[in-house]
Amino acid sequence: MKKHRIYTMAFASVYPAYVAKAEKKGRTRAEVDEIIFWLTGHDKKSFASALEDGTDMETFFAEAPAMNPDRALITGVVCGVRVEEVEEETMREIRYLDKLIDELARGKAMEKILRARTEQRLV
């Protein structure tokens, strides 16, 4: 089976589109980076290295330092596809990031975007 062409694209070529989408709606590059760091476990240094090295999308997600286990809480539709129903793992990770950037651009609060869990208290 032929790989989707997004897999071979450099993350550095897709990243500016994420930033532009956010900035067009009054959000910041720092917020986009925070989302990427939360999802992938990258820090500033490893992320900068991935951008500089021309790491492709498939490798970017496959070699992410620590994919966030809470990413499974991301649900909804991106480009007409329910992200939680995407079977191919790499494509699902890409769709998770797309969904988070969409939420940022729509003005959702960062704690909700990053699926911050509130402690449940017993009454």
PDB file of N, CA and C in Angstrom:
ATOM      1  N   MET A   1       0.839  -1.184   0.000  1.00  0.00           N
ATOM      2  CA  MET A   1       0.000   0.000   0.000  1.00  0.00           C
ATOM      3  C   MET A   1       0.885   1.249   0.000  1.00  0.00           C
ATOM      4  N   LYS A   2       0.532   2.204  -0.832  1.00  0.00           N
ATOM      5  CA  LYS A   2       1.308   3.434  -0.951  1.00  0.00           C
ATOM      6  C   LYS A   2       1.043   4.350   0.239  1.00  0.00           C
ATOM      7  N   LYS A   3       2.120   4.935   0.760  1.00  0.00           N
ATOM      8  CA  LYS A   3       1.985   5.868   1.886  1.00  0.00           C
ATOM      9  C   LYS A   3       1.346   7.167   1.411  1.00  0.00           C
ATOM     10  N   HIS A   4       0.611   7.788   2.320  1.00  0.00           N
ATOM     11  CA  HIS A   4       0.034   9.102   2.038  1.00  0.00           C
ATOM     12  C   HIS A   4       1.180  10.100   1.897  1.00  0.00           C
ATOM     13  N   ARG A   5       1.042  11.042   0.998  1.00  0.00           N
ATOM     14  CA  ARG A   5       2.149  11.976   0.740  1.00  0.00           C
ATOM     15  C   ARG A   5       2.487  12.862   1.932  1.00  0.00           C
ATOM     16  N   ILE A   6       1.539  13.081   2.847  1.00  0.00           N
ATOM     17  CA  ILE A   6       1.835  13.902   4.033  1.00  0.00           C
ATOM     18  C   ILE A   6       2.963  13.289   4.854  1.00  0.00           C
ATOM     19  N   TYR A   7       3.093  11.963   4.820  1.00  0.00           N
ATOM     20  CA  TYR A   7       4.122  11.284   5.608  1.00  0.00           C
ATOM     21  C   TYR A   7       5.529  11.697   5.196  1.00  0.00           C
ATOM     22  N   THR A   8       5.711  11.984   3.927  1.00  0.00           N
ATOM     23  CA  THR A   8       7.053  12.304   3.427  1.00  0.00           C
ATOM     24  C   THR A   8       7.363  13.793   3.443  1.00  0.00           C
ATOM     25  N   MET A   9       6.377  14.599   3.775  1.00  0.00           N
ATOM     26  CA  MET A   9       6.605  16.042   3.851  1.00  0.00           C
ATOM     27  C   MET A   9       7.404  16.371   5.109  1.00  0.00           C
ATOM     28  N   ALA A  10       8.300  17.316   4.985  1.00  0.00           N
ATOM     29  CA  ALA A  10       9.075  17.754   6.147  1.00  0.00           C
ATOM     30  C   ALA A  10       8.147  18.451   7.131  1.00  0.00           C
ATOM     31  N   PHE A  11       8.286  18.127   8.422  1.00  0.00           N
ATOM     32  CA  PHE A  11       7.457  18.798   9.433  1.00  0.00           C
ATOM     33  C   PHE A  11       7.688  20.301   9.349  1.00  0.00           C
ATOM     34  N   ALA A  12       8.925  20.707   9.046  1.00  0.00           N
ATOM     35  CA  ALA A  12       9.258  22.131   8.947  1.00  0.00           C
ATOM     36  C   ALA A  12       8.477  22.829   7.842  1.00  0.00           C
ATOM     37  N   SER A  13       8.003  22.096   6.842  1.00  0.00           N
ATOM     38  CA  SER A  13       7.210  22.723   5.780  1.00  0.00           C
ATOM     39  C   SER A  13       5.732  22.822   6.155  1.00  0.00           C
ATOM     40  N   VAL A  14       5.274  22.012   7.094  1.00  0.00           N
ATOM     41  CA  VAL A  14       3.883  22.033   7.534  1.00  0.00           C
ATOM     42  C   VAL A  14       3.703  22.977   8.731  1.00  0.00           C
ATOM     43  N   TYR A  15       4.712  23.052   9.573  1.00  0.00           N
ATOM     44  CA  TYR A  15       4.668  23.864  10.790  1.00  0.00           C
ATOM     45  C   TYR A  15       4.244  25.319  10.533  1.00  0.00           C
ATOM     46  N   PRO A  16       4.796  26.007   9.506  1.00  0.00           N
ATOM     47  CA  PRO A  16       4.361  27.396   9.270  1.00  0.00           C
ATOM     48  C   PRO A  16       2.854  27.526   9.011  1.00  0.00           C
ATOM     49  N   ALA A  17       2.246  26.509   8.418  1.00  0.00           N
ATOM     50  CA  ALA A  17       0.797  26.555   8.182  1.00  0.00           C
ATOM     51  C   ALA A  17       0.037  26.490   9.503  1.00  0.00           C
ATOM     52  N   TYR A  18       0.518  25.668  10.446  1.00  0.00           N
ATOM     53  CA  TYR A  18      -0.106  25.613  11.773  1.00  0.00           C
ATOM     54  C   TYR A  18      -0.002  26.981  12.462  1.00  0.00           C
ATOM     55  N   VAL A  19       1.184  27.576  12.391  1.00  0.00           N
ATOM     56  CA  VAL A  19       1.408  28.876  13.032  1.00  0.00           C
ATOM     57  C   VAL A  19       0.542  29.946  12.368  1.00  0.00           C
ATOM     58  N   ALA A  20       0.507  29.953  11.050  1.00  0.00           N
ATOM     59  CA  ALA A  20      -0.290  30.957  10.326  1.00  0.00           C
ATOM     60  C   ALA A  20      -1.772  30.841  10.674  1.00  0.00           C
ATOM     61  N   LYS A  21      -2.274  29.620  10.766  1.00  0.00           N
ATOM     62  CA  LYS A  21      -3.677  29.419  11.110  1.00  0.00           C
ATOM     63  C   LYS A  21      -3.979  29.992  12.489  1.00  0.00           C
ATOM     64  N   ALA A  22      -3.086  29.752  13.429  1.00  0.00           N
ATOM     65  CA  ALA A  22      -3.278  30.253  14.793  1.00  0.00           C
ATOM     66  C   ALA A  22      -3.158  31.780  14.844  1.00  0.00           C
ATOM     67  N   GLU A  23      -2.129  32.309  14.207  1.00  0.00           N
ATOM     68  CA  GLU A  23      -1.893  33.755  14.260  1.00  0.00           C
ATOM     69  C   GLU A  23      -2.999  34.535  13.559  1.00  0.00           C
ATOM     70  N   LYS A  24      -3.568  33.958  12.515  1.00  0.00           N
ATOM     71  CA  LYS A  24      -4.669  34.618  11.802  1.00  0.00           C
ATOM     72  C   LYS A  24      -5.866  34.830  12.723  1.00  0.00           C
ATOM     73  N   LYS A  25      -5.986  33.974  13.736  1.00  0.00           N
ATOM     74  CA  LYS A  25      -7.091  34.065  14.690  1.00  0.00           C
ATOM     75  C   LYS A  25      -6.669  34.682  16.025  1.00  0.00           C
ATOM     76  N   GLY A  26      -5.510  35.352  16.046  1.00  0.00           N
ATOM     77  CA  GLY A  26      -5.082  36.066  17.245  1.00  0.00           C
ATOM     78  C   GLY A  26      -4.344  35.219  18.274  1.00  0.00           C
ATOM     79  N   ARG A  27      -3.967  34.011  17.918  1.00  0.00           N
ATOM     80  CA  ARG A  27      -3.200  33.158  18.832  1.00  0.00           C
ATOM     81  C   ARG A  27      -1.722  33.278  18.484  1.00  0.00           C
ATOM     82  N   THR A  28      -0.850  32.593  19.217  1.00  0.00           N
ATOM     83  CA  THR A  28       0.586  32.809  19.046  1.00  0.00           C
ATOM     84  C   THR A  28       1.345  31.541  18.656  1.00  0.00           C
ATOM     85  N   ARG A  29       2.545  31.770  18.132  1.00  0.00           N
ATOM     86  CA  ARG A  29       3.459  30.670  17.821  1.00  0.00           C
ATOM     87  C   ARG A  29       3.785  29.899  19.102  1.00  0.00           C
ATOM     88  N   ALA A  30       3.941  30.601  20.199  1.00  0.00           N
ATOM     89  CA  ALA A  30       4.252  29.949  21.477  1.00  0.00           C
ATOM     90  C   ALA A  30       3.139  28.975  21.864  1.00  0.00           C
ATOM     91  N   GLU A  31       1.898  29.329  21.597  1.00  0.00           N
ATOM     92  CA  GLU A  31       0.779  28.428  21.907  1.00  0.00           C
ATOM     93  C   GLU A  31       0.804  27.198  20.996  1.00  0.00           C
ATOM     94  N   VAL A  32       1.139  27.393  19.726  1.00  0.00           N
ATOM     95  CA  VAL A  32       1.269  26.261  18.804  1.00  0.00           C
ATOM     96  C   VAL A  32       2.366  25.332  19.312  1.00  0.00           C
ATOM     97  N   ASP A  33       3.505  25.919  19.701  1.00  0.00           N
ATOM     98  CA  ASP A  33       4.611  25.118  20.221  1.00  0.00           C
ATOM     99  C   ASP A  33       4.201  24.363  21.482  1.00  0.00           C
ATOM    100  N   GLU A  34       3.473  25.010  22.361  1.00  0.00           N
ATOM    101  CA  GLU A  34       3.014  24.356  23.591  1.00  0.00           C
ATOM    102  C   GLU A  34       2.163  23.124  23.274  1.00  0.00           C
ATOM    103  N   ILE A  35       1.308  23.259  22.285  1.00  0.00           N
ATOM    104  CA  ILE A  35       0.471  22.131  21.865  1.00  0.00           C
ATOM    105  C   ILE A  35       1.340  21.000  21.330  1.00  0.00           C
ATOM    106  N   ILE A  36       2.291  21.339  20.477  1.00  0.00           N
ATOM    107  CA  ILE A  36       3.176  20.321  19.899  1.00  0.00           C
ATOM    108  C   ILE A  36       3.986  19.648  20.997  1.00  0.00           C
ATOM    109  N   PHE A  37       4.503  20.423  21.936  1.00  0.00           N
ATOM    110  CA  PHE A  37       5.298  19.856  23.038  1.00  0.00           C
ATOM    111  C   PHE A  37       4.425  18.929  23.895  1.00  0.00           C
ATOM    112  N   TRP A  38       3.199  19.354  24.185  1.00  0.00           N
ATOM    113  CA  TRP A  38       2.286  18.532  24.985  1.00  0.00           C
ATOM    114  C   TRP A  38       1.985  17.206  24.282  1.00  0.00           C
ATOM    115  N   LEU A  39       1.706  17.286  22.990  1.00  0.00           N
ATOM    116  CA  LEU A  39       1.333  16.090  22.246  1.00  0.00           C
ATOM    117  C   LEU A  39       2.494  15.121  22.065  1.00  0.00           C
ATOM    118  N   THR A  40       3.674  15.637  21.768  1.00  0.00           N
ATOM    119  CA  THR A  40       4.797  14.781  21.356  1.00  0.00           C
ATOM    120  C   THR A  40       5.871  14.558  22.413  1.00  0.00           C
ATOM    121  N   GLY A  41       5.906  15.392  23.431  1.00  0.00           N
ATOM    122  CA  GLY A  41       6.972  15.287  24.423  1.00  0.00           C
ATOM    123  C   GLY A  41       8.244  16.007  24.016  1.00  0.00           C
ATOM    124  N   HIS A  42       8.222  16.671  22.858  1.00  0.00           N
ATOM    125  CA  HIS A  42       9.397  17.451  22.444  1.00  0.00           C
ATOM    126  C   HIS A  42       9.582  18.630  23.399  1.00  0.00           C
ATOM    127  N   ASP A  43      10.823  19.073  23.503  1.00  0.00           N
ATOM    128  CA  ASP A  43      11.117  20.329  24.183  1.00  0.00           C
ATOM    129  C   ASP A  43      11.661  21.280  23.114  1.00  0.00           C
ATOM    130  N   LYS A  44      12.027  22.490  23.505  1.00  0.00           N
ATOM    131  CA  LYS A  44      12.496  23.468  22.512  1.00  0.00           C
ATOM    132  C   LYS A  44      13.677  22.947  21.715  1.00  0.00           C
ATOM    133  N   LYS A  45      14.611  22.309  22.399  1.00  0.00           N
ATOM    134  CA  LYS A  45      15.831  21.843  21.735  1.00  0.00           C
ATOM    135  C   LYS A  45      15.541  20.716  20.739  1.00  0.00           C
ATOM    136  N   SER A  46      14.812  19.696  21.155  1.00  0.00           N
ATOM    137  CA  SER A  46      14.539  18.570  20.253  1.00  0.00           C
ATOM    138  C   SER A  46      13.622  18.987  19.103  1.00  0.00           C
ATOM    139  N   PHE A  47      12.711  19.915  19.381  1.00  0.00           N
ATOM    140  CA  PHE A  47      11.810  20.403  18.338  1.00  0.00           C
ATOM    141  C   PHE A  47      12.598  21.197  17.302  1.00  0.00           C
ATOM    142  N   ALA A  48      13.472  22.084  17.764  1.00  0.00           N
ATOM    143  CA  ALA A  48      14.298  22.868  16.840  1.00  0.00           C
ATOM    144  C   ALA A  48      15.160  21.949  15.985  1.00  0.00           C
ATOM    145  N   SER A  49      15.682  20.906  16.590  1.00  0.00           N
ATOM    146  CA  SER A  49      16.505  19.947  15.854  1.00  0.00           C
ATOM    147  C   SER A  49      15.690  19.246  14.762  1.00  0.00           C
ATOM    148  N   ALA A  50      14.472  18.843  15.089  1.00  0.00           N
ATOM    149  CA  ALA A  50      13.607  18.182  14.103  1.00  0.00           C
ATOM    150  C   ALA A  50      13.298  19.115  12.939  1.00  0.00           C
ATOM    151  N   LEU A  51      13.100  20.392  13.227  1.00  0.00           N
ATOM    152  CA  LEU A  51      12.826  21.365  12.176  1.00  0.00           C
ATOM    153  C   LEU A  51      14.054  21.565  11.295  1.00  0.00           C
ATOM    154  N   GLU A  52      15.213  21.721  11.937  1.00  0.00           N
ATOM    155  CA  GLU A  52      16.457  21.951  11.201  1.00  0.00           C
ATOM    156  C   GLU A  52      16.868  20.751  10.364  1.00  0.00           C
ATOM    157  N   ASP A  53      16.634  19.554  10.859  1.00  0.00           N
ATOM    158  CA  ASP A  53      17.053  18.327  10.166  1.00  0.00           C
ATOM    159  C   ASP A  53      16.140  17.961   9.005  1.00  0.00           C
ATOM    160  N   GLY A  54      15.017  18.648   8.861  1.00  0.00           N
ATOM    161  CA  GLY A  54      14.087  18.326   7.792  1.00  0.00           C
ATOM    162  C   GLY A  54      13.344  17.018   8.029  1.00  0.00           C
ATOM    163  N   THR A  55      13.146  16.674   9.299  1.00  0.00           N
ATOM    164  CA  THR A  55      12.460  15.438   9.671  1.00  0.00           C
ATOM    165  C   THR A  55      11.086  15.387   9.021  1.00  0.00           C
ATOM    166  N   ASP A  56      10.772  14.250   8.382  1.00  0.00           N
ATOM    167  CA  ASP A  56       9.463  14.131   7.749  1.00  0.00           C
ATOM    168  C   ASP A  56       8.385  13.878   8.801  1.00  0.00           C
ATOM    169  N   MET A  57       7.151  14.045   8.403  1.00  0.00           N
ATOM    170  CA  MET A  57       6.022  13.927   9.338  1.00  0.00           C
ATOM    171  C   MET A  57       5.978  12.548   9.997  1.00  0.00           C
ATOM    172  N   GLU A  58       6.169  11.496   9.209  1.00  0.00           N
ATOM    173  CA  GLU A  58       6.104  10.151   9.760  1.00  0.00           C
ATOM    174  C   GLU A  58       7.176   9.942  10.824  1.00  0.00           C
ATOM    175  N   THR A  59       8.384  10.370  10.544  1.00  0.00           N
ATOM    176  CA  THR A  59       9.484  10.224  11.496  1.00  0.00           C
ATOM    177  C   THR A  59       9.290  11.120  12.707  1.00  0.00           C
ATOM    178  N   PHE A  60       8.769  12.331  12.482  1.00  0.00           N
ATOM    179  CA  PHE A  60       8.533  13.267  13.579  1.00  0.00           C
ATOM    180  C   PHE A  60       7.663  12.626  14.654  1.00  0.00           C
ATOM    181  N   PHE A  61       6.593  11.962  14.241  1.00  0.00           N
ATOM    182  CA  PHE A  61       5.705  11.330  15.212  1.00  0.00           C
ATOM    183  C   PHE A  61       6.262   9.996  15.712  1.00  0.00           C
ATOM    184  N   ALA A  62       6.893   9.238  14.835  1.00  0.00           N
ATOM    185  CA  ALA A  62       7.436   7.928  15.230  1.00  0.00           C
ATOM    186  C   ALA A  62       8.555   8.074  16.259  1.00  0.00           C
ATOM    187  N   GLU A  63       9.333   9.146  16.142  1.00  0.00           N
ATOM    188  CA  GLU A  63      10.469   9.344  17.041  1.00  0.00           C
ATOM    189  C   GLU A  63      10.198  10.396  18.108  1.00  0.00           C
ATOM    190  N   ALA A  64       8.952  10.752  18.298  1.00  0.00           N
ATOM    191  CA  ALA A  64       8.595  11.730  19.333  1.00  0.00           C
ATOM    192  C   ALA A  64       9.062  11.206  20.688  1.00  0.00           C
ATOM    193  N   PRO A  65       9.622  12.072  21.520  1.00  0.00           N
ATOM    194  CA  PRO A  65      10.151  11.625  22.812  1.00  0.00           C
ATOM    195  C   PRO A  65       9.139  10.904  23.693  1.00  0.00           C
ATOM    196  N   ALA A  66       7.912  11.397  23.755  1.00  0.00           N
ATOM    197  CA  ALA A  66       6.912  10.784  24.640  1.00  0.00           C
ATOM    198  C   ALA A  66       5.521  11.256  24.232  1.00  0.00           C
ATOM    199  N   MET A  67       4.868  10.496  23.385  1.00  0.00           N
ATOM    200  CA  MET A  67       3.512  10.872  22.983  1.00  0.00           C
ATOM    201  C   MET A  67       2.624  10.882  24.224  1.00  0.00           C
ATOM    202  N   ASN A  68       1.853  11.947  24.364  1.00  0.00           N
ATOM    203  CA  ASN A  68       1.035  12.135  25.554  1.00  0.00           C
ATOM    204  C   ASN A  68      -0.094  11.095  25.599  1.00  0.00           C
ATOM    205  N   PRO A  69      -0.197  10.343  26.693  1.00  0.00           N
ATOM    206  CA  PRO A  69      -1.261   9.345  26.776  1.00  0.00           C
ATOM    207  C   PRO A  69      -2.663   9.965  26.769  1.00  0.00           C
ATOM    208  N   ASP A  70      -2.776  11.230  27.155  1.00  0.00           N
ATOM    209  CA  ASP A  70      -4.081  11.895  27.153  1.00  0.00           C
ATOM    210  C   ASP A  70      -4.551  12.277  25.746  1.00  0.00           C
ATOM    211  N   ARG A  71      -3.733  12.019  24.734  1.00  0.00           N
ATOM    212  CA  ARG A  71      -4.158  12.332  23.370  1.00  0.00           C
ATOM    213  C   ARG A  71      -5.383  11.516  22.969  1.00  0.00           C
ATOM    214  N   ALA A  72      -5.598  10.397  23.636  1.00  0.00           N
ATOM    215  CA  ALA A  72      -6.781   9.581  23.349  1.00  0.00           C
ATOM    216  C   ALA A  72      -8.072  10.318  23.731  1.00  0.00           C
ATOM    217  N   LEU A  73      -7.951  11.387  24.519  1.00  0.00           N
ATOM    218  CA  LEU A  73      -9.124  12.190  24.891  1.00  0.00           C
ATOM    219  C   LEU A  73      -9.545  13.143  23.775  1.00  0.00           C
ATOM    220  N   ILE A  74      -8.716  13.259  22.739  1.00  0.00           N
ATOM    221  CA  ILE A  74      -9.014  14.155  21.622  1.00  0.00           C
ATOM    222  C   ILE A  74     -10.036  13.471  20.721  1.00  0.00           C
ATOM    223  N   THR A  75     -11.162  14.111  20.566  1.00  0.00           N
ATOM    224  CA  THR A  75     -12.213  13.576  19.708  1.00  0.00           C
ATOM    225  C   THR A  75     -12.747  14.688  18.827  1.00  0.00           C
ATOM    226  N   GLY A  76     -13.450  14.308  17.805  1.00  0.00           N
ATOM    227  CA  GLY A  76     -14.066  15.294  16.932  1.00  0.00           C
ATOM    228  C   GLY A  76     -13.710  15.053  15.488  1.00  0.00           C
ATOM    229  N   VAL A  77     -14.097  15.998  14.655  1.00  0.00           N
ATOM    230  CA  VAL A  77     -13.957  15.855  13.216  1.00  0.00           C
ATOM    231  C   VAL A  77     -12.932  16.845  12.674  1.00  0.00           C
ATOM    232  N   VAL A  78     -12.048  16.338  11.816  1.00  0.00           N
ATOM    233  CA  VAL A  78     -11.101  17.169  11.080  1.00  0.00           C
ATOM    234  C   VAL A  78     -11.203  16.744   9.621  1.00  0.00           C
ATOM    235  N   CYS A  79     -11.477  17.684   8.748  1.00  0.00           N
ATOM    236  CA  CYS A  79     -11.603  17.393   7.308  1.00  0.00           C
ATOM    237  C   CYS A  79     -12.623  16.281   7.057  1.00  0.00           C
ATOM    238  N   GLY A  80     -13.688  16.287   7.808  1.00  0.00           N
ATOM    239  CA  GLY A  80     -14.753  15.320   7.616  1.00  0.00           C
ATOM    240  C   GLY A  80     -14.480  13.931   8.164  1.00  0.00           C
ATOM    241  N   VAL A  81     -13.394  13.781   8.911  1.00  0.00           N
ATOM    242  CA  VAL A  81     -13.020  12.476   9.453  1.00  0.00           C
ATOM    243  C   VAL A  81     -12.968  12.565  10.976  1.00  0.00           C
ATOM    244  N   ARG A  82     -13.588  11.621  11.657  1.00  0.00           N
ATOM    245  CA  ARG A  82     -13.519  11.566  13.126  1.00  0.00           C
ATOM    246  C   ARG A  82     -12.134  11.098  13.510  1.00  0.00           C
ATOM    247  N   VAL A  83     -11.392  11.919  14.256  1.00  0.00           N
ATOM    248  CA  VAL A  83      -9.999  11.597  14.585  1.00  0.00           C
ATOM    249  C   VAL A  83      -9.876  10.308  15.381  1.00  0.00           C
ATOM    250  N   GLU A  84     -10.835  10.035  16.249  1.00  0.00           N
ATOM    251  CA  GLU A  84     -10.751   8.842  17.085  1.00  0.00           C
ATOM    252  C   GLU A  84     -11.007   7.567  16.299  1.00  0.00           C
ATOM    253  N   GLU A  85     -11.493   7.688  15.069  1.00  0.00           N
ATOM    254  CA  GLU A  85     -11.779   6.510  14.253  1.00  0.00           C
ATOM    255  C   GLU A  85     -10.715   6.236  13.187  1.00  0.00           C
ATOM    256  N   VAL A  86      -9.693   7.084  13.110  1.00  0.00           N
ATOM    257  CA  VAL A  86      -8.624   6.869  12.136  1.00  0.00           C
ATOM    258  C   VAL A  86      -7.822   5.648  12.576  1.00  0.00           C
ATOM    259  N   GLU A  87      -7.761   4.643  11.725  1.00  0.00           N
ATOM    260  CA  GLU A  87      -7.128   3.383  12.099  1.00  0.00           C
ATOM    261  C   GLU A  87      -5.608   3.433  12.023  1.00  0.00           C
ATOM    262  N   GLU A  88      -5.063   4.076  11.003  1.00  0.00           N
ATOM    263  CA  GLU A  88      -3.611   4.109  10.821  1.00  0.00           C
ATOM    264  C   GLU A  88      -3.006   5.053  11.865  1.00  0.00           C
ATOM    265  N   GLU A  89      -2.080   4.533  12.644  1.00  0.00           N
ATOM    266  CA  GLU A  89      -1.557   5.259  13.807  1.00  0.00           C
ATOM    267  C   GLU A  89      -0.928   6.603  13.464  1.00  0.00           C
ATOM    268  N   THR A  90      -0.058   6.647  12.469  1.00  0.00           N
ATOM    269  CA  THR A  90       0.604   7.910  12.129  1.00  0.00           C
ATOM    270  C   THR A  90      -0.400   8.944  11.661  1.00  0.00           C
ATOM    271  N   MET A  91      -1.344   8.541  10.852  1.00  0.00           N
ATOM    272  CA  MET A  91      -2.358   9.487  10.375  1.00  0.00           C
ATOM    273  C   MET A  91      -3.212   9.979  11.546  1.00  0.00           C
ATOM    274  N   ARG A  92      -3.498   9.107  12.507  1.00  0.00           N
ATOM    275  CA  ARG A  92      -4.272   9.522  13.679  1.00  0.00           C
ATOM    276  C   ARG A  92      -3.492  10.576  14.475  1.00  0.00           C
ATOM    277  N   GLU A  93      -2.168  10.388  14.621  1.00  0.00           N
ATOM    278  CA  GLU A  93      -1.360  11.372  15.350  1.00  0.00           C
ATOM    279  C   GLU A  93      -1.377  12.723  14.628  1.00  0.00           C
ATOM    280  N   ILE A  94      -1.285  12.693  13.305  1.00  0.00           N
ATOM    281  CA  ILE A  94      -1.342  13.928  12.520  1.00  0.00           C
ATOM    282  C   ILE A  94      -2.698  14.590  12.703  1.00  0.00           C
ATOM    283  N   ARG A  95      -3.748  13.817  12.666  1.00  0.00           N
ATOM    284  CA  ARG A  95      -5.104  14.359  12.839  1.00  0.00           C
ATOM    285  C   ARG A  95      -5.305  14.912  14.246  1.00  0.00           C
ATOM    286  N   TYR A  96      -4.716  14.272  15.245  1.00  0.00           N
ATOM    287  CA  TYR A  96      -4.783  14.817  16.610  1.00  0.00           C
ATOM    288  C   TYR A  96      -4.196  16.231  16.616  1.00  0.00           C
ATOM    289  N   LEU A  97      -3.019  16.389  16.017  1.00  0.00           N
ATOM    290  CA  LEU A  97      -2.398  17.713  15.993  1.00  0.00           C
ATOM    291  C   LEU A  97      -3.265  18.695  15.213  1.00  0.00           C
ATOM    292  N   ASP A  98      -3.795  18.271  14.082  1.00  0.00           N
ATOM    293  CA  ASP A  98      -4.689  19.146  13.307  1.00  0.00           C
ATOM    294  C   ASP A  98      -5.872  19.604  14.161  1.00  0.00           C
ATOM    295  N   LYS A  99      -6.459  18.680  14.891  1.00  0.00           N
ATOM    296  CA  LYS A  99      -7.625  18.992  15.730  1.00  0.00           C
ATOM    297  C   LYS A  99      -7.256  19.991  16.826  1.00  0.00           C
ATOM    298  N   LEU A 100      -6.109  19.797  17.457  1.00  0.00           N
ATOM    299  CA  LEU A 100      -5.683  20.717  18.513  1.00  0.00           C
ATOM    300  C   LEU A 100      -5.445  22.125  17.965  1.00  0.00           C
ATOM    301  N   ILE A 101      -4.827  22.213  16.791  1.00  0.00           N
ATOM    302  CA  ILE A 101      -4.590  23.523  16.172  1.00  0.00           C
ATOM    303  C   ILE A 101      -5.919  24.163  15.786  1.00  0.00           C
ATOM    304  N   ASP A 102      -6.871  23.375  15.294  1.00  0.00           N
ATOM    305  CA  ASP A 102      -8.215  23.902  14.998  1.00  0.00           C
ATOM    306  C   ASP A 102      -8.857  24.485  16.251  1.00  0.00           C
ATOM    307  N   GLU A 103      -8.744  23.758  17.362  1.00  0.00           N
ATOM    308  CA  GLU A 103      -9.327  24.235  18.614  1.00  0.00           C
ATOM    309  C   GLU A 103      -8.667  25.543  19.056  1.00  0.00           C
ATOM    310  N   LEU A 104      -7.363  25.636  18.897  1.00  0.00           N
ATOM    311  CA  LEU A 104      -6.640  26.865  19.239  1.00  0.00           C
ATOM    312  C   LEU A 104      -7.154  28.021  18.391  1.00  0.00           C
ATOM    313  N   ALA A 105      -7.269  27.795  17.095  1.00  0.00           N
ATOM    314  CA  ALA A 105      -7.721  28.846  16.180  1.00  0.00           C
ATOM    315  C   ALA A 105      -9.161  29.265  16.457  1.00  0.00           C
ATOM    316  N   ARG A 106      -9.963  28.360  17.002  1.00  0.00           N
ATOM    317  CA  ARG A 106     -11.356  28.700  17.336  1.00  0.00           C
ATOM    318  C   ARG A 106     -11.472  29.409  18.679  1.00  0.00           C
ATOM    319  N   GLY A 107     -10.360  29.618  19.364  1.00  0.00           N
ATOM    320  CA  GLY A 107     -10.388  30.383  20.600  1.00  0.00           C
ATOM    321  C   GLY A 107     -10.568  29.576  21.866  1.00  0.00           C
ATOM    322  N   LYS A 108     -10.473  28.284  21.784  1.00  0.00           N
ATOM    323  CA  LYS A 108     -10.638  27.441  22.970  1.00  0.00           C
ATOM    324  C   LYS A 108      -9.498  27.706  23.957  1.00  0.00           C
ATOM    325  N   ALA A 109      -9.783  27.623  25.232  1.00  0.00           N
ATOM    326  CA  ALA A 109      -8.784  27.858  26.281  1.00  0.00           C
ATOM    327  C   ALA A 109      -7.718  26.760  26.258  1.00  0.00           C
ATOM    328  N   MET A 110      -6.476  27.130  26.523  1.00  0.00           N
ATOM    329  CA  MET A 110      -5.364  26.174  26.463  1.00  0.00           C
ATOM    330  C   MET A 110      -5.566  24.990  27.399  1.00  0.00           C
ATOM    331  N   GLU A 111      -6.095  25.218  28.604  1.00  0.00           N
ATOM    332  CA  GLU A 111      -6.258  24.083  29.527  1.00  0.00           C
ATOM    333  C   GLU A 111      -7.249  23.056  28.974  1.00  0.00           C
ATOM    334  N   LYS A 112      -8.202  23.521  28.185  1.00  0.00           N
ATOM    335  CA  LYS A 112      -9.145  22.585  27.559  1.00  0.00           C
ATOM    336  C   LYS A 112      -8.512  21.901  26.352  1.00  0.00           C
ATOM    337  N   ILE A 113      -7.740  22.653  25.578  1.00  0.00           N
ATOM    338  CA  ILE A 113      -7.052  22.079  24.422  1.00  0.00           C
ATOM    339  C   ILE A 113      -6.110  20.971  24.875  1.00  0.00           C
ATOM    340  N   LEU A 114      -5.408  21.222  25.972  1.00  0.00           N
ATOM    341  CA  LEU A 114      -4.421  20.256  26.472  1.00  0.00           C
ATOM    342  C   LEU A 114      -5.043  19.211  27.389  1.00  0.00           C
ATOM    343  N   ARG A 115      -6.350  19.149  27.372  1.00  0.00           N
ATOM    344  CA  ARG A 115      -7.098  18.132  28.112  1.00  0.00           C
ATOM    345  C   ARG A 115      -6.666  18.042  29.573  1.00  0.00           C
ATOM    346  N   ALA A 116      -6.520  19.214  30.201  1.00  0.00           N
ATOM    347  CA  ALA A 116      -6.137  19.254  31.612  1.00  0.00           C
ATOM    348  C   ALA A 116      -7.207  18.552  32.429  1.00  0.00           C
ATOM    349  N   ARG A 117      -6.778  17.601  33.191  1.00  0.00           N
ATOM    350  CA  ARG A 117      -7.721  16.843  34.021  1.00  0.00           C
ATOM    351  C   ARG A 117      -7.900  17.549  35.348  1.00  0.00           C
ATOM    352  N   THR A 118      -9.144  17.662  35.748  1.00  0.00           N
ATOM    353  CA  THR A 118      -9.415  18.228  37.062  1.00  0.00           C
ATOM    354  C   THR A 118      -9.570  17.072  38.033  1.00  0.00           C
ATOM    355  N   GLU A 119      -9.027  17.256  39.200  1.00  0.00           N
ATOM    356  CA  GLU A 119      -9.146  16.187  40.212  1.00  0.00           C
ATOM    357  C   GLU A 119     -10.585  16.083  40.682  1.00  0.00           C
ATOM    358  N   GLN A 120     -11.055  14.882  40.724  1.00  0.00           N
ATOM    359  CA  GLN A 120     -12.405  14.674  41.203  1.00  0.00           C
ATOM    360  C   GLN A 120     -12.338  14.494  42.717  1.00  0.00           C
ATOM    361  N   ARG A 121     -13.190  15.211  43.400  1.00  0.00           N
ATOM    362  CA  ARG A 121     -13.196  15.143  44.861  1.00  0.00           C
ATOM    363  C   ARG A 121     -14.423  14.396  45.326  1.00  0.00           C
ATOM    364  N   LEU A 122     -14.219  13.614  46.338  1.00  0.00           N
ATOM    365  CA  LEU A 122     -15.343  12.907  46.947  1.00  0.00           C
ATOM    366  C   LEU A 122     -16.049  13.843  47.904  1.00  0.00           C
ATOM    367  N   VAL A 123     -17.332  13.855  47.844  1.00  0.00           N
ATOM    368  CA  VAL A 123     -18.104  14.768  48.708  1.00  0.00           C
ATOM    369  C   VAL A 123     -18.582  14.037  49.926  1.00  0.00           C
TER     370      VAL A 123
END
